[in-house]
Amino acid sequence: MHCPFTERTKLMKPYPLGIDNPIKIKAVWGSHKWALYWKDDHTKIATFNSQNEAYQARQSIIESL
């Protein structure tokens, strides 16, 4: 029996909407750069030139946890 719900959950990325995401992405004020921060203590992880690079880096970090 084919269950579309189980197929969909296999394809879903961790933290799809950013809810309870341990890493936040924020724009660096006064520049065009983007930064990653740990949610719990607001420690900066890294800075990137584009929002897309920041999202890709966050996804890689979360997958490695």
Protein backbone atom coordinates (compact mmCIF):
# COMPACT_ATOMS: atom_id res chain seq x y z
CA MET A 1 0.00 0.00 0.00
CA HIS A 2 1.38 3.40 -1.00
CA CYS A 3 1.19 6.09 1.65
CA PRO A 4 1.89 9.63 0.35
CA PHE A 5 2.49 10.92 3.88
CA THR A 6 5.48 8.64 4.47
CA GLU A 7 6.91 9.54 1.07
CA ARG A 8 6.56 13.24 1.83
CA THR A 9 8.22 12.97 5.25
CA LYS A 10 11.21 11.24 3.67
CA LEU A 11 11.68 14.21 1.33
CA MET A 12 11.22 16.92 3.94
CA LYS A 13 14.30 18.79 5.08
CA PRO A 14 15.05 19.27 8.76
CA TYR A 15 13.52 22.48 10.11
CA PRO A 16 11.65 23.37 6.89
CA LEU A 17 10.12 26.58 8.25
CA GLY A 18 12.83 27.53 10.69
CA ILE A 19 10.66 26.55 13.65
CA ASP A 20 12.86 25.41 16.55
CA ASN A 21 15.88 25.68 14.29
CA PRO A 22 19.09 25.79 16.39
CA ILE A 23 20.78 28.09 13.83
CA LYS A 24 19.36 31.48 12.81
CA ILE A 25 20.19 33.37 9.62
CA LYS A 26 20.23 37.16 9.86
CA ALA A 27 21.21 39.97 7.53
CA VAL A 28 24.31 41.87 8.64
CA TRP A 29 23.09 45.39 9.27
CA GLY A 30 24.67 47.99 6.99
CA SER A 31 25.96 45.48 4.43
CA HIS A 32 24.76 42.94 1.90
CA LYS A 33 26.13 40.02 3.89
CA TRP A 34 24.34 37.29 5.85
CA ALA A 35 25.42 35.61 9.08
CA LEU A 36 24.65 32.39 10.95
CA TYR A 37 24.06 32.50 14.72
CA TRP A 38 23.38 29.82 17.33
CA LYS A 39 19.84 30.38 18.60
CA ASP A 40 20.53 29.68 22.28
CA ASP A 41 23.38 32.11 22.97
CA HIS A 42 23.50 34.23 19.76
CA THR A 43 27.11 33.29 19.04
CA LYS A 44 28.07 34.11 15.45
CA ILE A 45 29.11 31.06 13.44
CA ALA A 46 30.03 32.57 10.08
CA THR A 47 29.33 35.37 7.59
CA PHE A 48 28.42 34.86 3.92
CA ASN A 49 28.12 37.02 0.81
CA SER A 50 24.63 35.82 -0.06
CA GLN A 51 21.53 34.55 1.69
CA ASN A 52 21.62 31.40 -0.43
CA GLU A 53 25.15 30.56 0.73
CA ALA A 54 24.06 31.04 4.33
CA TYR A 55 21.06 28.72 3.91
CA GLN A 56 23.23 26.04 2.28
CA ALA A 57 25.81 26.27 5.06
CA ARG A 58 23.11 26.05 7.75
CA GLN A 59 21.65 22.96 6.08
CA SER A 60 25.10 21.33 5.97
CA ILE A 61 25.72 22.10 9.65
CA ILE A 62 22.32 20.75 10.72
CA GLU A 63 22.80 17.56 8.71
CA SER A 64 26.19 17.01 10.37
CA LEU A 65 24.78 17.33 13.91
